[in-house]
Amino acid sequence: MQIDDAILAMQSQLIGWRHDLHAHPETAFQEHRTAAFIAREMKAMGLEVHEGLGGGTGVVGVLRNGAGRSVGLRADIDALDVTETTGLDYASQIPGKMHACGHDGHTTMLLGAARHMAANPPGDGTVVFIFQPAEENEGGARVMVEEGLFERFPVDQVFGLHNWPGLPAGQFALRDGPVMAALDTFELRLTGKGAHAAMPHQGIDPITVAAQVQTAWQNIVSRSVEPTDAAVISITQIHAGDTLNVIPEQLVIRGTVRTLRPETRDLCEAEMGHRAEHIAAAYHASAAFDYQRRYPATINTAAATALARSAAEAVAGAGTVEGGLTPSMAAEDFAFMLEQKPGSYIWLGNGSAEGGRNLHSPNYVFNDEILPVGVQYYCEVARRALRGDNG
């Protein structure tokens, strides 16, 4: 690892920041203490600080160092509605809430990078430190973009990272093109005709219809999506009926759809609605289908990804950066920023995921050893972006 001595000397400060943030998790658009913490620390660094963005809890710090290029660096700051079971001495003090995805670590890394660059500017130009709320489910990045993030703080490129359990600690992985999936949600309401369970011929059973719809939807993935492409249709809720001896009149199905390509996203939405409507009609039932597009796919641009790879190799060493990773079908709202600006999203290894310590687990533990690695990466990618590198 090629870590600056000044960054290594920050290790105890970084750990202290992260443990404080971890003990006080806040969920989407409620990150008031977290935002105040970030703003206070950046003001102490002498940075230009803007508060109240992104629905009220986003914070942006700006380092200006003469004329030149500009680069955005982003960290997510929110926690999850998860009850922590790690038993750590700095575990969550907020019942039912936990930093179970490592956003406390991401925030700490970017704060550390801001502190280092405030004292050691990475080059001529402007660095924009974006601390974004509500990544989990609520699209805080979309809100920041819609509120004019990049009009107020113009950048040429934007970069983000996420810790990744299962990847060796301190190693990086990335790819250009799709790296994480689009996330959509759906609700299907099937209406038949209620009847006594002993007299099914007098009713129209929406549960039977739902079974046919489930099969037809999975056939979209297996028979309508190109085999080398990827799509996941997951039914996660089925609600119907109130008692054991009555066929219900109505049934509701909810779930998610994950895709990597816009064309596949269009196909899934159209085919799911088409098949549900016509299967219901075949059984003399009716279907009301609601499909909501939540997060687009996270798509890295080639030049920015080459730059990110070179920065990661400068930190972790040549040959240590995995460049052909398989995209994750999880979603990430950094995608909204990448729709507006060239950029790249990279994974930083968090170490073993054994013992249920994967992302969103109540046993998840962020690896403090990778904090200086993330700080150094942010500094290195900013330096190369301001210099105008293309990898």
Protein backbone atom coordinates (compact mmCIF):
# COMPACT_ATOMS: atom_id res chain seq x y z
CA MET A 1 0.00 0.00 0.00
CA GLN A 2 1.24 3.47 -0.92
CA ILE A 3 -0.30 5.60 1.84
CA ASP A 4 0.97 9.10 2.61
CA ASP A 5 2.53 9.38 6.07
CA ALA A 6 0.21 12.28 6.92
CA ILE A 7 -2.79 10.09 6.14
CA LEU A 8 -1.43 7.20 8.19
CA ALA A 9 -0.99 9.64 11.06
CA MET A 10 -4.72 10.39 10.87
CA GLN A 11 -5.71 6.79 11.62
CA SER A 12 -6.80 7.37 15.22
CA GLN A 13 -8.78 10.45 14.17
CA LEU A 14 -10.46 8.50 11.36
CA ILE A 15 -11.41 5.66 13.70
CA GLY A 16 -12.75 8.14 16.24
CA TRP A 17 -14.90 9.84 13.62
CA ARG A 18 -16.28 6.57 12.31
CA HIS A 19 -17.08 5.11 15.71
CA ASP A 20 -18.92 8.29 16.67
CA LEU A 21 -20.95 8.20 13.45
CA HIS A 22 -21.59 4.49 13.90
CA ALA A 23 -22.96 4.97 17.39
CA HIS A 24 -25.41 7.63 16.16
CA PRO A 25 -26.99 6.28 12.95
CA GLU A 26 -29.65 8.30 11.16
CA THR A 27 -31.83 7.16 8.28
CA ALA A 28 -33.00 8.85 5.06
CA PHE A 29 -33.41 12.63 5.25
CA GLN A 30 -33.11 12.51 9.05
CA GLU A 31 -29.30 12.75 9.15
CA HIS A 32 -29.30 16.04 11.09
CA ARG A 33 -26.62 15.15 13.65
CA THR A 34 -24.51 13.53 10.96
CA ALA A 35 -24.76 16.58 8.69
CA ALA A 36 -23.86 18.91 11.54
CA PHE A 37 -20.86 16.71 12.38
CA ILE A 38 -19.63 16.81 8.77
CA ALA A 39 -20.15 20.57 8.43
CA ARG A 40 -18.38 21.30 11.72
CA GLU A 41 -15.34 19.25 10.78
CA MET A 42 -15.03 20.77 7.30
CA LYS A 43 -15.37 24.30 8.65
CA ALA A 44 -12.52 23.53 11.04
CA MET A 45 -10.46 22.55 7.98
CA GLY A 46 -11.07 25.98 6.47
CA LEU A 47 -13.20 24.68 3.61
CA GLU A 48 -16.15 26.44 2.06
CA VAL A 49 -19.20 24.60 3.46
CA HIS A 50 -22.79 24.51 2.19
CA GLU A 51 -25.51 22.93 4.33
CA GLY A 52 -29.19 22.05 3.93
CA LEU A 53 -28.95 20.44 0.49
CA GLY A 54 -30.65 17.27 -0.75
CA GLY A 55 -33.86 17.55 1.23
CA GLY A 56 -32.17 19.33 4.12
CA THR A 57 -29.39 17.03 5.30
CA GLY A 58 -26.91 17.06 2.41
CA VAL A 59 -23.61 18.86 2.88
CA VAL A 60 -21.12 20.05 0.26
CA GLY A 61 -17.59 21.21 0.97
CA VAL A 62 -15.52 23.05 -1.64
CA LEU A 63 -11.76 23.36 -1.93
CA ARG A 64 -10.77 26.05 -4.42
CA ASN A 65 -7.16 26.27 -5.54
CA GLY A 66 -7.03 28.64 -8.49
CA ALA A 67 -8.29 28.08 -12.01
CA GLY A 68 -8.44 24.65 -13.54
CA ARG A 69 -10.56 21.55 -13.75
CA SER A 70 -13.12 20.47 -11.16
CA VAL A 71 -13.86 17.06 -9.66
CA GLY A 72 -16.66 15.79 -7.42
CA LEU A 73 -16.12 13.17 -4.71
CA ARG A 74 -19.21 11.64 -3.11
CA ALA A 75 -19.96 9.74 0.10
CA ASP A 76 -23.36 8.51 1.33
CA ILE A 77 -24.17 9.33 4.95
CA ASP A 78 -27.39 7.50 5.91
CA ALA A 79 -27.99 4.34 7.94
CA LEU A 80 -30.61 1.58 7.78
CA ASP A 81 -33.62 0.45 9.80
CA VAL A 82 -31.72 -2.55 11.18
CA THR A 83 -31.27 -3.62 14.81
CA GLU A 84 -27.55 -4.08 15.44
CA THR A 85 -26.33 -7.38 16.94
CA THR A 86 -22.55 -6.94 16.71
CA GLY A 87 -21.96 -6.30 20.42
CA LEU A 88 -19.31 -3.69 19.60
CA ASP A 89 -18.49 -1.19 22.34
CA TYR A 90 -19.40 1.59 19.88
CA ALA A 91 -22.56 -0.12 18.60
CA SER A 92 -25.64 1.87 17.65
CA GLN A 93 -27.22 3.83 20.48
CA ILE A 94 -30.39 4.35 18.43
CA PRO A 95 -32.86 1.43 18.74
CA GLY A 96 -33.73 -0.16 15.42
CA LYS A 97 -31.18 1.80 13.40
CA MET A 98 -27.68 0.80 12.31
CA HIS A 99 -24.89 1.67 9.91
CA ALA A 100 -25.19 -1.79 8.36
CA CYS A 101 -23.78 -0.79 4.96
CA GLY A 102 -20.65 1.10 5.92
CA HIS A 103 -21.79 4.60 5.06
CA ASP A 104 -20.17 5.76 8.30
CA GLY A 105 -16.89 4.49 6.82
CA HIS A 106 -17.50 6.18 3.47
CA THR A 107 -18.26 9.47 5.24
CA THR A 108 -15.10 9.15 7.31
CA MET A 109 -12.96 8.43 4.26
CA LEU A 110 -14.22 11.51 2.43
CA LEU A 111 -13.82 13.68 5.54
CA GLY A 112 -10.27 12.41 5.89
CA ALA A 113 -9.59 13.16 2.23
CA ALA A 114 -11.02 16.66 2.68
CA ARG A 115 -8.75 17.24 5.68
CA HIS A 116 -5.66 16.01 3.85
CA MET A 117 -6.40 17.98 0.66
CA ALA A 118 -7.23 21.16 2.59
CA ALA A 119 -3.67 21.05 3.91
CA ASN A 120 -2.15 19.60 0.73
CA PRO A 121 -4.12 20.77 -2.36
CA PRO A 122 -4.04 18.06 -5.04
CA GLY A 123 -3.55 20.52 -7.92
CA ASP A 124 -4.92 23.60 -9.59
CA GLY A 125 -8.69 23.61 -9.72
CA THR A 126 -11.66 22.78 -7.53
CA VAL A 127 -12.57 19.72 -5.46
CA VAL A 128 -16.23 19.33 -4.45
CA PHE A 129 -16.87 17.05 -1.47
CA ILE A 130 -20.45 15.74 -1.71
CA PHE A 131 -21.97 14.22 1.43
CA GLN A 132 -25.26 12.77 0.23
CA PRO A 133 -28.23 11.72 2.36
CA ALA A 134 -30.78 8.99 1.77
CA GLU A 135 -28.95 6.55 -0.48
CA GLU A 136 -30.93 3.64 0.95
CA ASN A 137 -34.24 3.41 -0.95
CA GLU A 138 -35.07 7.12 -1.03
CA GLY A 139 -32.86 8.46 -3.82
CA GLY A 140 -31.02 11.26 -2.07
CA ALA A 141 -28.70 11.59 -5.08
CA ARG A 142 -31.71 12.24 -7.32
CA VAL A 143 -32.94 14.91 -4.92
CA MET A 144 -29.54 16.63 -4.85
CA VAL A 145 -29.33 16.58 -8.65
CA GLU A 146 -32.88 17.90 -9.04
CA GLU A 147 -32.10 20.69 -6.59
CA GLY A 148 -29.27 21.83 -8.85
CA LEU A 149 -26.20 20.18 -7.32
CA PHE A 150 -24.11 20.38 -10.45
CA GLU A 151 -25.37 23.82 -11.44
CA ARG A 152 -24.27 25.19 -8.07
CA PHE A 153 -21.10 23.13 -7.93
CA PRO A 154 -19.96 22.35 -11.50
CA VAL A 155 -17.66 19.36 -11.87
CA ASP A 156 -16.04 17.74 -14.88
CA GLN A 157 -16.18 14.24 -13.37
CA VAL A 158 -17.59 12.62 -10.25
CA PHE A 159 -16.29 9.62 -8.30
CA GLY A 160 -17.62 7.42 -5.50
CA LEU A 161 -16.72 4.19 -3.72
CA HIS A 162 -18.34 1.46 -1.63
CA ASN A 163 -16.76 -1.00 0.75
CA TRP A 164 -17.27 -4.58 -0.41
CA PRO A 165 -17.32 -7.59 1.96
CA GLY A 166 -15.87 -10.68 0.33
CA LEU A 167 -13.18 -8.71 -1.51
CA PRO A 168 -9.80 -8.81 0.30
CA ALA A 169 -9.32 -5.83 2.57
CA GLY A 170 -7.68 -2.92 0.78
CA GLN A 171 -8.06 -4.32 -2.72
CA PHE A 172 -10.12 -2.53 -5.35
CA ALA A 173 -12.48 -3.76 -8.07
CA LEU A 174 -14.14 -1.85 -10.89
CA ARG A 175 -15.29 -2.00 -14.50
CA ASP A 176 -16.54 0.40 -17.09
CA GLY A 177 -20.13 0.16 -18.23
CA PRO A 178 -22.83 -1.17 -15.86
CA VAL A 179 -21.45 -1.94 -12.40
CA MET A 180 -24.73 -2.03 -10.42
CA ALA A 181 -28.30 -2.59 -11.50
CA ALA A 182 -31.33 -0.41 -11.98
CA LEU A 183 -33.91 -0.83 -9.22
CA ASP A 184 -37.64 -0.73 -9.95
CA THR A 185 -40.62 -1.68 -7.79
CA PHE A 186 -44.02 -3.00 -8.78
CA GLU A 187 -47.46 -3.69 -7.38
CA LEU A 188 -50.02 -5.92 -9.08
CA ARG A 189 -53.59 -5.95 -7.80
CA LEU A 190 -55.62 -8.92 -9.06
CA THR A 191 -59.38 -8.85 -8.61
CA GLY A 192 -61.48 -11.95 -9.01
CA LYS A 193 -64.66 -13.04 -7.27
CA GLY A 194 -64.80 -14.29 -3.70
CA ALA A 195 -66.40 -17.62 -2.91
CA HIS A 196 -66.71 -20.32 -0.27
CA ALA A 197 -63.60 -22.49 -0.27
CA ALA A 198 -65.82 -25.56 -0.74
CA MET A 199 -67.49 -24.01 -3.80
CA PRO A 200 -64.63 -22.64 -5.93
CA HIS A 201 -66.69 -22.93 -9.11
CA GLN A 202 -68.82 -20.03 -7.90
CA GLY A 203 -65.85 -17.65 -7.70
CA ILE A 204 -62.80 -16.46 -9.61
CA ASP A 205 -59.70 -17.33 -7.60
CA PRO A 206 -57.04 -14.56 -7.74
CA ILE A 207 -54.52 -16.87 -6.05
CA THR A 208 -54.67 -19.23 -9.03
CA VAL A 209 -54.21 -16.25 -11.34
CA ALA A 210 -51.22 -15.07 -9.29
CA ALA A 211 -49.54 -18.44 -9.68
CA GLN A 212 -49.85 -18.21 -13.46
CA VAL A 213 -48.54 -14.63 -13.45
CA GLN A 214 -45.49 -15.64 -11.40
CA THR A 215 -44.61 -18.35 -13.93
CA ALA A 216 -45.13 -16.01 -16.87
CA TRP A 217 -42.98 -13.30 -15.30
CA GLN A 218 -40.06 -15.65 -14.67
CA ASN A 219 -40.31 -16.72 -18.29
CA ILE A 220 -39.54 -13.12 -19.25
CA VAL A 221 -36.10 -13.56 -17.71
CA SER A 222 -35.51 -17.07 -19.06
CA ARG A 223 -37.05 -16.67 -22.52
CA SER A 224 -37.30 -12.98 -23.47
CA VAL A 225 -34.10 -11.49 -22.06
CA GLU A 226 -30.93 -12.18 -24.02
CA PRO A 227 -29.00 -14.96 -22.22
CA THR A 228 -25.84 -12.84 -21.89
CA ASP A 229 -27.85 -10.01 -20.34
CA ALA A 230 -29.11 -9.95 -16.74
CA ALA A 231 -32.49 -9.37 -15.13
CA VAL A 232 -34.03 -10.34 -11.80
CA ILE A 233 -37.77 -10.22 -11.12
CA SER A 234 -38.44 -10.91 -7.44
CA ILE A 235 -41.87 -11.17 -5.88
CA THR A 236 -41.29 -10.27 -2.24
CA GLN A 237 -44.85 -9.84 -0.96
CA ILE A 238 -48.18 -11.60 -1.56
CA HIS A 239 -51.22 -10.48 0.42
CA ALA A 240 -54.63 -12.13 0.13
CA GLY A 241 -57.40 -13.53 2.25
CA ASP A 242 -58.63 -13.15 5.81
CA THR A 243 -59.87 -16.59 6.77
CA LEU A 244 -59.26 -20.24 5.98
CA ASN A 245 -62.51 -21.15 4.26
CA VAL A 246 -62.99 -18.23 1.88
CA ILE A 247 -61.44 -17.72 -1.54
CA PRO A 248 -60.55 -14.01 -1.48
CA GLU A 249 -61.78 -11.53 -4.01
CA GLN A 250 -58.52 -9.63 -4.27
CA LEU A 251 -54.78 -10.29 -4.10
CA VAL A 252 -51.79 -7.92 -4.09
CA ILE A 253 -48.29 -8.83 -5.30
CA ARG A 254 -45.28 -6.56 -4.74
CA GLY A 255 -41.60 -6.84 -5.48
CA THR A 256 -38.59 -5.53 -7.35
CA VAL A 257 -37.00 -5.71 -10.78
CA ARG A 258 -33.25 -5.39 -11.37
CA THR A 259 -31.73 -4.80 -14.81
CA LEU A 260 -28.43 -3.57 -16.23
CA ARG A 261 -29.49 -2.23 -19.64
CA PRO A 262 -32.16 0.42 -20.35
CA GLU A 263 -33.58 -1.76 -23.14
CA THR A 264 -34.01 -4.69 -20.76
CA ARG A 265 -35.68 -2.41 -18.23
CA ASP A 266 -38.19 -1.30 -20.88
CA LEU A 267 -38.83 -4.91 -21.87
CA CYS A 268 -39.50 -6.08 -18.32
CA GLU A 269 -41.92 -3.27 -17.57
CA ALA A 270 -43.89 -3.76 -20.79
CA GLU A 271 -43.97 -7.57 -20.64
CA MET A 272 -44.91 -7.77 -16.97
CA GLY A 273 -47.90 -5.50 -17.51
CA HIS A 274 -48.92 -7.25 -20.73
CA ARG A 275 -48.76 -10.75 -19.29
CA ALA A 276 -50.53 -9.87 -16.06
CA GLU A 277 -53.38 -8.18 -17.91
CA HIS A 278 -53.95 -11.00 -20.39
CA ILE A 279 -53.55 -13.85 -17.90
CA ALA A 280 -56.08 -12.18 -15.62
CA ALA A 281 -58.46 -11.73 -18.55
CA ALA A 282 -58.11 -15.40 -19.49
CA TYR A 283 -59.43 -16.28 -16.02
CA HIS A 284 -62.14 -13.58 -16.15
CA ALA A 285 -60.30 -11.57 -13.50
CA SER A 286 -58.86 -8.06 -13.75
CA ALA A 287 -55.35 -6.72 -13.20
CA ALA A 288 -54.11 -3.29 -12.12
CA PHE A 289 -50.34 -3.04 -12.58
CA ASP A 290 -48.21 -0.22 -11.16
CA TYR A 291 -44.51 -0.11 -12.08
CA GLN A 292 -42.24 2.47 -10.45
CA ARG A 293 -38.75 3.25 -11.76
CA ARG A 294 -36.61 3.98 -8.70
CA TYR A 295 -32.85 3.94 -9.42
CA PRO A 296 -31.23 3.74 -12.86
CA ALA A 297 -28.32 1.40 -13.47
CA THR A 298 -24.95 2.63 -12.20
CA ILE A 299 -22.97 2.97 -15.43
CA ASN A 300 -19.30 3.93 -15.30
CA THR A 301 -17.80 5.89 -18.18
CA ALA A 302 -14.70 4.44 -19.80
CA ALA A 303 -12.23 7.34 -19.44
CA ALA A 304 -13.18 8.05 -15.82
CA THR A 305 -12.92 4.36 -14.98
CA ALA A 306 -9.45 4.20 -16.52
CA LEU A 307 -8.49 7.16 -14.33
CA ALA A 308 -10.02 5.50 -11.25
CA ARG A 309 -8.15 2.29 -11.98
CA SER A 310 -4.83 4.11 -12.29
CA ALA A 311 -5.53 5.90 -8.99
CA ALA A 312 -6.41 2.63 -7.27
CA GLU A 313 -3.27 0.95 -8.59
CA ALA A 314 -1.19 3.88 -7.33
CA VAL A 315 -2.61 3.19 -3.87
CA ALA A 316 -2.83 -0.60 -3.76
CA GLY A 317 -0.11 -1.53 -6.24
CA ALA A 318 -0.08 -2.63 -9.86
CA GLY A 319 -1.92 -5.87 -10.51
CA THR A 320 -4.01 -5.63 -7.33
CA VAL A 321 -7.07 -4.01 -8.92
CA GLU A 322 -9.71 -6.38 -10.24
CA GLY A 323 -10.86 -4.93 -13.55
CA GLY A 324 -13.33 -7.55 -14.77
CA LEU A 325 -15.71 -7.87 -11.87
CA THR A 326 -19.22 -9.17 -12.42
CA PRO A 327 -21.80 -6.39 -11.98
CA SER A 328 -23.88 -6.53 -8.83
CA MET A 329 -27.65 -6.69 -9.19
CA ALA A 330 -27.94 -4.50 -6.10
CA ALA A 331 -28.70 -0.84 -6.80
CA GLU A 332 -26.94 2.42 -5.97
CA ASP A 333 -28.33 5.94 -6.35
CA PHE A 334 -24.92 7.34 -7.33
CA ALA A 335 -26.36 6.33 -10.69
CA PHE A 336 -28.30 9.62 -10.78
CA MET A 337 -25.02 11.55 -10.61
CA LEU A 338 -23.51 9.39 -13.34
CA GLU A 339 -26.48 10.21 -15.55
CA GLN A 340 -25.41 13.84 -15.33
CA LYS A 341 -21.61 13.66 -15.28
CA PRO A 342 -18.85 11.30 -16.45
CA GLY A 343 -17.50 9.32 -13.56
CA SER A 344 -16.82 6.00 -11.94
CA TYR A 345 -17.91 3.97 -8.93
CA ILE A 346 -15.35 1.60 -7.42
CA TRP A 347 -15.47 -1.15 -4.80
CA LEU A 348 -12.96 -1.25 -1.93
CA GLY A 349 -12.48 -4.61 -0.24
CA ASN A 350 -13.72 -4.84 3.35
CA GLY A 351 -12.42 -8.36 3.96
CA SER A 352 -14.32 -11.52 4.83
CA ALA A 353 -18.12 -11.62 4.76
CA GLU A 354 -18.24 -14.76 6.92
CA GLY A 355 -20.41 -14.91 10.01
CA GLY A 356 -23.27 -13.05 8.36
CA ARG A 357 -21.18 -9.89 8.08
CA ASN A 358 -22.36 -8.95 4.63
CA LEU A 359 -23.93 -5.63 3.71
CA HIS A 360 -27.30 -4.92 5.39
CA SER A 361 -26.70 -7.63 7.98
CA PRO A 362 -27.27 -6.85 11.69
CA ASN A 363 -23.82 -8.46 12.21
CA TYR A 364 -22.07 -6.30 9.60
CA VAL A 365 -18.75 -4.81 10.75
CA PHE A 366 -16.85 -2.16 8.81
CA ASN A 367 -13.10 -2.79 8.68
CA ASP A 368 -11.29 0.24 10.16
CA GLU A 369 -8.03 -0.86 8.54
CA ILE A 370 -9.27 0.27 5.13
CA LEU A 371 -10.03 3.86 6.21
CA PRO A 372 -6.59 5.25 5.18
CA VAL A 373 -6.82 3.31 1.91
CA GLY A 374 -10.08 5.04 1.02
CA VAL A 375 -8.70 8.44 2.04
CA GLN A 376 -5.63 7.93 -0.14
CA TYR A 377 -7.79 6.78 -3.07
CA TYR A 378 -9.98 9.88 -2.93
CA CYS A 379 -6.88 12.10 -2.81
CA GLU A 380 -5.23 10.24 -5.66
CA VAL A 381 -8.29 10.27 -7.92
CA ALA A 382 -8.74 14.01 -7.27
CA ARG A 383 -5.09 14.70 -8.12
CA ARG A 384 -5.29 12.79 -11.38
CA ALA A 385 -8.66 14.30 -12.34
CA LEU A 386 -7.40 17.85 -11.79
CA ARG A 387 -4.30 17.01 -13.80
CA GLY A 388 -6.47 15.80 -16.67
CA ASP A 389 -5.36 12.18 -16.71
CA ASN A 390 -7.29 9.61 -18.72
CA GLY A 391 -5.87 6.63 -16.89
